[in-house]
């Protein structure tokens, strides 16, 4: 999962994505600078930096890319 997250965070252009956890929690990464990927954890700031989530990678069940709407 770490390799997949690293690839999504470094994508050019960046596409926001949602991390789905084993307990059903959904956390959206809106910008790569809002996330810090570690070996076993990912830290994500949300709500303009007012809150932060630290997620254990073993509990990540899937990654959902935001679909880009056609103009």
PDB file of N, CA and C in Angstrom:
ATOM      1  N   UNK A   1       0.819  -1.190   0.000  1.00  0.00           N
ATOM      2  CA  UNK A   1       0.000   0.000   0.000  1.00  0.00           C
ATOM      3  C   UNK A   1       0.867   1.259   0.000  1.00  0.00           C
ATOM      4  N   UNK A   2       2.036   1.167   0.634  1.00  0.00           N
ATOM      5  CA  UNK A   2       2.913   2.335   0.690  1.00  0.00           C
ATOM      6  C   UNK A   2       3.333   2.761  -0.715  1.00  0.00           C
ATOM      7  N   UNK A   3       3.668   1.793  -1.571  1.00  0.00           N
ATOM      8  CA  UNK A   3       4.089   2.118  -2.941  1.00  0.00           C
ATOM      9  C   UNK A   3       2.949   2.772  -3.722  1.00  0.00           C
ATOM     10  N   UNK A   4       1.734   2.282  -3.544  1.00  0.00           N
ATOM     11  CA  UNK A   4       0.581   2.867  -4.238  1.00  0.00           C
ATOM     12  C   UNK A   4       0.326   4.298  -3.772  1.00  0.00           C
ATOM     13  N   UNK A   5       0.427   4.528  -2.468  1.00  0.00           N
ATOM     14  CA  UNK A   5       0.239   5.878  -1.934  1.00  0.00           C
ATOM     15  C   UNK A   5       1.325   6.819  -2.434  1.00  0.00           C
ATOM     16  N   UNK A   6       2.555   6.337  -2.457  1.00  0.00           N
ATOM     17  CA  UNK A   6       3.671   7.161  -2.937  1.00  0.00           C
ATOM     18  C   UNK A   6       3.445   7.566  -4.389  1.00  0.00           C
ATOM     19  N   UNK A   7       2.982   6.620  -5.197  1.00  0.00           N
ATOM     20  CA  UNK A   7       2.710   6.899  -6.607  1.00  0.00           C
ATOM     21  C   UNK A   7       1.589   7.932  -6.757  1.00  0.00           C
ATOM     22  N   UNK A   8       0.539   7.794  -5.972  1.00  0.00           N
ATOM     23  CA  UNK A   8      -0.587   8.730  -6.065  1.00  0.00           C
ATOM     24  C   UNK A   8      -0.199  10.123  -5.567  1.00  0.00           C
ATOM     25  N   UNK A   9       0.635  10.192  -4.534  1.00  0.00           N
ATOM     26  CA  UNK A   9       1.052  11.485  -3.995  1.00  0.00           C
ATOM     27  C   UNK A   9       2.005  12.228  -4.921  1.00  0.00           C
ATOM     28  N   UNK A  10       2.759  11.482  -5.740  1.00  0.00           N
ATOM     29  CA  UNK A  10       3.733  12.127  -6.631  1.00  0.00           C
ATOM     30  C   UNK A  10       3.225  12.272  -8.063  1.00  0.00           C
ATOM     31  N   UNK A  11       1.978  11.905  -8.313  1.00  0.00           N
ATOM     32  CA  UNK A  11       1.416  11.989  -9.669  1.00  0.00           C
ATOM     33  C   UNK A  11       1.410  13.430 -10.171  1.00  0.00           C
ATOM     34  N   UNK A  12       1.728  13.587 -11.446  1.00  0.00           N
ATOM     35  CA  UNK A  12       1.695  14.897 -12.112  1.00  0.00           C
ATOM     36  C   UNK A  12       0.738  14.800 -13.282  1.00  0.00           C
ATOM     37  N   UNK A  13      -0.345  15.505 -13.324  1.00  0.00           N
ATOM     38  CA  UNK A  13      -0.857  16.384 -12.275  1.00  0.00           C
ATOM     39  C   UNK A  13      -1.453  15.561 -11.137  1.00  0.00           C
ATOM     40  N   UNK A  14      -1.436  16.145  -9.959  1.00  0.00           N
ATOM     41  CA  UNK A  14      -1.995  15.475  -8.789  1.00  0.00           C
ATOM     42  C   UNK A  14      -3.511  15.394  -8.912  1.00  0.00           C
ATOM     43  N   UNK A  15      -4.050  14.231  -8.589  1.00  0.00           N
ATOM     44  CA  UNK A  15      -5.502  14.027  -8.577  1.00  0.00           C
ATOM     45  C   UNK A  15      -5.896  13.682  -7.140  1.00  0.00           C
ATOM     46  N   UNK A  16      -6.769  14.472  -6.525  1.00  0.00           N
ATOM     47  CA  UNK A  16      -7.196  14.167  -5.156  1.00  0.00           C
ATOM     48  C   UNK A  16      -7.747  12.742  -5.061  1.00  0.00           C
ATOM     49  N   UNK A  17      -7.536  12.124  -3.894  1.00  0.00           N
ATOM     50  CA  UNK A  17      -8.013  10.758  -3.704  1.00  0.00           C
ATOM     51  C   UNK A  17      -8.468  10.570  -2.266  1.00  0.00           C
ATOM     52  N   UNK A  18      -9.221   9.497  -2.061  1.00  0.00           N
ATOM     53  CA  UNK A  18      -9.755   9.177  -0.742  1.00  0.00           C
ATOM     54  C   UNK A  18      -9.159   7.865  -0.265  1.00  0.00           C
ATOM     55  N   UNK A  19      -8.752   7.857   0.995  1.00  0.00           N
ATOM     56  CA  UNK A  19      -8.254   6.647   1.646  1.00  0.00           C
ATOM     57  C   UNK A  19      -9.412   6.054   2.436  1.00  0.00           C
ATOM     58  N   UNK A  20      -9.694   4.778   2.204  1.00  0.00           N
ATOM     59  CA  UNK A  20     -10.765   4.089   2.920  1.00  0.00           C
ATOM     60  C   UNK A  20     -10.114   3.136   3.920  1.00  0.00           C
ATOM     61  N   UNK A  21     -10.517   3.276   5.182  1.00  0.00           N
ATOM     62  CA  UNK A  21      -9.944   2.477   6.256  1.00  0.00           C
ATOM     63  C   UNK A  21     -10.812   1.256   6.558  1.00  0.00           C
ATOM     64  N   UNK A  22     -10.250   0.293   7.291  1.00  0.00           N
ATOM     65  CA  UNK A  22     -10.964  -0.943   7.603  1.00  0.00           C
ATOM     66  C   UNK A  22     -12.212  -0.715   8.455  1.00  0.00           C
ATOM     67  N   UNK A  23     -12.276   0.398   9.188  1.00  0.00           N
ATOM     68  CA  UNK A  23     -13.471   0.691   9.987  1.00  0.00           C
ATOM     69  C   UNK A  23     -14.512   1.499   9.213  1.00  0.00           C
ATOM     70  N   UNK A  24     -14.247   1.738   7.918  1.00  0.00           N
ATOM     71  CA  UNK A  24     -15.187   2.467   7.078  1.00  0.00           C
ATOM     72  C   UNK A  24     -14.918   3.957   6.979  1.00  0.00           C
ATOM     73  N   UNK A  25     -13.953   4.467   7.731  1.00  0.00           N
ATOM     74  CA  UNK A  25     -13.606   5.882   7.682  1.00  0.00           C
ATOM     75  C   UNK A  25     -13.051   6.246   6.313  1.00  0.00           C
ATOM     76  N   UNK A  26     -13.448   7.408   5.800  1.00  0.00           N
ATOM     77  CA  UNK A  26     -12.951   7.934   4.528  1.00  0.00           C
ATOM     78  C   UNK A  26     -12.198   9.232   4.805  1.00  0.00           C
ATOM     79  N   UNK A  27     -10.951   9.328   4.344  1.00  0.00           N
ATOM     80  CA  UNK A  27     -10.142  10.532   4.504  1.00  0.00           C
ATOM     81  C   UNK A  27      -9.704  10.971   3.112  1.00  0.00           C
ATOM     82  N   UNK A  28     -10.001  12.211   2.740  1.00  0.00           N
ATOM     83  CA  UNK A  28      -9.651  12.717   1.420  1.00  0.00           C
ATOM     84  C   UNK A  28      -8.345  13.495   1.478  1.00  0.00           C
ATOM     85  N   UNK A  29      -7.452  13.171   0.547  1.00  0.00           N
ATOM     86  CA  UNK A  29      -6.191  13.898   0.383  1.00  0.00           C
ATOM     87  C   UNK A  29      -6.416  14.859  -0.776  1.00  0.00           C
ATOM     88  N   UNK A  30      -6.504  16.161  -0.472  1.00  0.00           N
ATOM     89  CA  UNK A  30      -6.813  17.161  -1.490  1.00  0.00           C
ATOM     90  C   UNK A  30      -5.579  17.723  -2.170  1.00  0.00           C
ATOM     91  N   UNK A  31      -4.419  17.600  -1.515  1.00  0.00           N
ATOM     92  CA  UNK A  31      -3.173  18.140  -2.066  1.00  0.00           C
ATOM     93  C   UNK A  31      -2.021  17.314  -1.497  1.00  0.00           C
ATOM     94  N   UNK A  32      -0.989  17.027  -2.291  1.00  0.00           N
ATOM     95  CA  UNK A  32       0.105  16.185  -1.791  1.00  0.00           C
ATOM     96  C   UNK A  32       0.851  16.788  -0.607  1.00  0.00           C
ATOM     97  N   UNK A  33       0.838  18.115  -0.476  1.00  0.00           N
ATOM     98  CA  UNK A  33       1.513  18.741   0.661  1.00  0.00           C
ATOM     99  C   UNK A  33       0.744  18.541   1.965  1.00  0.00           C
ATOM    100  N   UNK A  34      -0.461  18.016   1.878  1.00  0.00           N
ATOM    101  CA  UNK A  34      -1.258  17.735   3.074  1.00  0.00           C
ATOM    102  C   UNK A  34      -0.985  16.350   3.640  1.00  0.00           C
ATOM    103  N   UNK A  35      -0.066  15.603   3.035  1.00  0.00           N
ATOM    104  CA  UNK A  35       0.187  14.232   3.473  1.00  0.00           C
ATOM    105  C   UNK A  35       1.680  13.992   3.672  1.00  0.00           C
ATOM    106  N   UNK A  36       1.991  13.238   4.704  1.00  0.00           N
ATOM    107  CA  UNK A  36       3.360  12.808   4.969  1.00  0.00           C
ATOM    108  C   UNK A  36       3.336  11.293   5.070  1.00  0.00           C
ATOM    109  N   UNK A  37       3.961  10.630   4.112  1.00  0.00           N
ATOM    110  CA  UNK A  37       3.964   9.174   4.058  1.00  0.00           C
ATOM    111  C   UNK A  37       5.208   8.637   4.746  1.00  0.00           C
ATOM    112  N   UNK A  38       4.997   7.759   5.714  1.00  0.00           N
ATOM    113  CA  UNK A  38       6.079   7.109   6.447  1.00  0.00           C
ATOM    114  C   UNK A  38       6.057   5.620   6.090  1.00  0.00           C
ATOM    115  N   UNK A  39       6.917   4.840   6.728  1.00  0.00           N
ATOM    116  CA  UNK A  39       7.000   3.413   6.422  1.00  0.00           C
ATOM    117  C   UNK A  39       5.692   2.674   6.740  1.00  0.00           C
ATOM    118  N   UNK A  40       5.118   2.941   7.903  1.00  0.00           N
ATOM    119  CA  UNK A  40       3.906   2.228   8.325  1.00  0.00           C
ATOM    120  C   UNK A  40       2.708   3.136   8.555  1.00  0.00           C
ATOM    121  N   UNK A  41       2.897   4.447   8.422  1.00  0.00           N
ATOM    122  CA  UNK A  41       1.855   5.420   8.730  1.00  0.00           C
ATOM    123  C   UNK A  41       1.749   6.455   7.625  1.00  0.00           C
ATOM    124  N   UNK A  42       0.610   7.096   7.529  1.00  0.00           N
ATOM    125  CA  UNK A  42       0.465   8.297   6.714  1.00  0.00           C
ATOM    126  C   UNK A  42      -0.233   9.338   7.591  1.00  0.00           C
ATOM    127  N   UNK A  43       0.327  10.535   7.598  1.00  0.00           N
ATOM    128  CA  UNK A  43      -0.242  11.655   8.342  1.00  0.00           C
ATOM    129  C   UNK A  43      -0.885  12.594   7.340  1.00  0.00           C
ATOM    130  N   UNK A  44      -2.120  12.995   7.600  1.00  0.00           N
ATOM    131  CA  UNK A  44      -2.861  13.843   6.670  1.00  0.00           C
ATOM    132  C   UNK A  44      -3.473  15.005   7.439  1.00  0.00           C
ATOM    133  N   UNK A  45      -3.252  16.230   6.944  1.00  0.00           N
ATOM    134  CA  UNK A  45      -3.913  17.390   7.537  1.00  0.00           C
ATOM    135  C   UNK A  45      -5.213  17.634   6.783  1.00  0.00           C
ATOM    136  N   UNK A  46      -6.224  18.023   7.526  1.00  0.00           N
ATOM    137  CA  UNK A  46      -7.533  18.279   6.937  1.00  0.00           C
ATOM    138  C   UNK A  46      -8.065  19.603   7.471  1.00  0.00           C
ATOM    139  N   UNK A  47      -9.140  20.070   6.914  1.00  0.00           N
ATOM    140  CA  UNK A  47      -9.811  21.292   7.382  1.00  0.00           C
ATOM    141  C   UNK A  47      -8.863  22.479   7.479  1.00  0.00           C
ATOM    142  N   UNK A  48      -8.074  22.699   6.446  1.00  0.00           N
ATOM    143  CA  UNK A  48      -7.178  23.850   6.429  1.00  0.00           C
ATOM    144  C   UNK A  48      -6.037  23.746   7.425  1.00  0.00           C
ATOM    145  N   UNK A  49      -5.677  22.539   7.813  1.00  0.00           N
ATOM    146  CA  UNK A  49      -4.583  22.338   8.746  1.00  0.00           C
ATOM    147  C   UNK A  49      -4.998  22.367  10.203  1.00  0.00           C
ATOM    148  N   UNK A  50      -6.284  22.553  10.465  1.00  0.00           N
ATOM    149  CA  UNK A  50      -6.757  22.614  11.848  1.00  0.00           C
ATOM    150  C   UNK A  50      -6.817  21.242  12.509  1.00  0.00           C
ATOM    151  N   UNK A  51      -6.985  20.194  11.713  1.00  0.00           N
ATOM    152  CA  UNK A  51      -7.001  18.839  12.259  1.00  0.00           C
ATOM    153  C   UNK A  51      -6.028  17.975  11.477  1.00  0.00           C
ATOM    154  N   UNK A  52      -5.632  16.883  12.093  1.00  0.00           N
ATOM    155  CA  UNK A  52      -4.717  15.952  11.438  1.00  0.00           C
ATOM    156  C   UNK A  52      -5.162  14.528  11.736  1.00  0.00           C
ATOM    157  N   UNK A  53      -4.940  13.670  10.782  1.00  0.00           N
ATOM    158  CA  UNK A  53      -5.241  12.248  10.933  1.00  0.00           C
ATOM    159  C   UNK A  53      -3.935  11.487  10.772  1.00  0.00           C
ATOM    160  N   UNK A  54      -3.699  10.515  11.622  1.00  0.00           N
ATOM    161  CA  UNK A  54      -2.569   9.620  11.419  1.00  0.00           C
ATOM    162  C   UNK A  54      -3.145   8.215  11.271  1.00  0.00           C
ATOM    163  N   UNK A  55      -2.842   7.621  10.128  1.00  0.00           N
ATOM    164  CA  UNK A  55      -3.463   6.362   9.735  1.00  0.00           C
ATOM    165  C   UNK A  55      -2.408   5.273   9.598  1.00  0.00           C
ATOM    166  N   UNK A  56      -2.679   4.132  10.189  1.00  0.00           N
ATOM    167  CA  UNK A  56      -1.787   2.981  10.089  1.00  0.00           C
ATOM    168  C   UNK A  56      -2.067   2.290   8.755  1.00  0.00           C
ATOM    169  N   UNK A  57      -1.041   2.089   7.948  1.00  0.00           N
ATOM    170  CA  UNK A  57      -1.229   1.587   6.584  1.00  0.00           C
ATOM    171  C   UNK A  57      -1.859   0.197   6.526  1.00  0.00           C
ATOM    172  N   UNK A  58      -1.669  -0.626   7.563  1.00  0.00           N
ATOM    173  CA  UNK A  58      -2.292  -1.956   7.558  1.00  0.00           C
ATOM    174  C   UNK A  58      -3.818  -1.879   7.563  1.00  0.00           C
ATOM    175  N   UNK A  59      -4.368  -0.753   8.000  1.00  0.00           N
ATOM    176  CA  UNK A  59      -5.822  -0.599   8.059  1.00  0.00           C
ATOM    177  C   UNK A  59      -6.408   0.082   6.825  1.00  0.00           C
ATOM    178  N   UNK A  60      -5.557   0.426   5.865  1.00  0.00           N
ATOM    179  CA  UNK A  60      -6.054   1.006   4.611  1.00  0.00           C
ATOM    180  C   UNK A  60      -6.591  -0.136   3.753  1.00  0.00           C
ATOM    181  N   UNK A  61      -7.873  -0.058   3.385  1.00  0.00           N
ATOM    182  CA  UNK A  61      -8.463  -1.126   2.577  1.00  0.00           C
ATOM    183  C   UNK A  61      -8.463  -0.805   1.089  1.00  0.00           C
ATOM    184  N   UNK A  62      -8.605   0.477   0.750  1.00  0.00           N
ATOM    185  CA  UNK A  62      -8.545   0.846  -0.668  1.00  0.00           C
ATOM    186  C   UNK A  62      -8.310   2.343  -0.826  1.00  0.00           C
ATOM    187  N   UNK A  63      -7.912   2.701  -2.046  1.00  0.00           N
ATOM    188  CA  UNK A  63      -7.698   4.093  -2.426  1.00  0.00           C
ATOM    189  C   UNK A  63      -8.655   4.399  -3.561  1.00  0.00           C
ATOM    190  N   UNK A  64      -9.368   5.510  -3.456  1.00  0.00           N
ATOM    191  CA  UNK A  64     -10.329   5.895  -4.489  1.00  0.00           C
ATOM    192  C   UNK A  64      -9.904   7.227  -5.078  1.00  0.00           C
ATOM    193  N   UNK A  65      -9.614   7.229  -6.376  1.00  0.00           N
ATOM    194  CA  UNK A  65      -9.293   8.484  -7.061  1.00  0.00           C
ATOM    195  C   UNK A  65     -10.568   9.258  -7.321  1.00  0.00           C
ATOM    196  N   UNK A  66     -10.464  10.569  -7.194  1.00  0.00           N
ATOM    197  CA  UNK A  66     -11.587  11.427  -7.563  1.00  0.00           C
ATOM    198  C   UNK A  66     -11.658  11.446  -9.081  1.00  0.00           C
ATOM    199  N   UNK A  67     -12.838  11.274  -9.624  1.00  0.00           N
ATOM    200  CA  UNK A  67     -12.985  11.319 -11.074  1.00  0.00           C
ATOM    201  C   UNK A  67     -13.021  12.763 -11.523  1.00  0.00           C
ATOM    202  N   UNK A  68     -12.320  13.037 -12.603  1.00  0.00           N
ATOM    203  CA  UNK A  68     -12.321  14.385 -13.154  1.00  0.00           C
ATOM    204  C   UNK A  68     -13.521  14.526 -14.068  1.00  0.00           C
ATOM    205  N   UNK A  69     -14.324  15.545 -13.806  1.00  0.00           N
ATOM    206  CA  UNK A  69     -15.528  15.754 -14.602  1.00  0.00           C
ATOM    207  C   UNK A  69     -15.165  16.365 -15.943  1.00  0.00           C
ATOM    208  N   UNK A  70     -15.848  15.927 -16.971  1.00  0.00           N
ATOM    209  CA  UNK A  70     -15.609  16.465 -18.315  1.00  0.00           C
ATOM    210  C   UNK A  70     -16.138  17.890 -18.393  1.00  0.00           C
ATOM    211  N   UNK A  71     -15.409  18.736 -19.108  1.00  0.00           N
ATOM    212  CA  UNK A  71     -15.821  20.145 -19.234  1.00  0.00           C
ATOM    213  C   UNK A  71     -16.861  20.310 -20.314  1.00  0.00           C
TER     214      UNK A  71
END
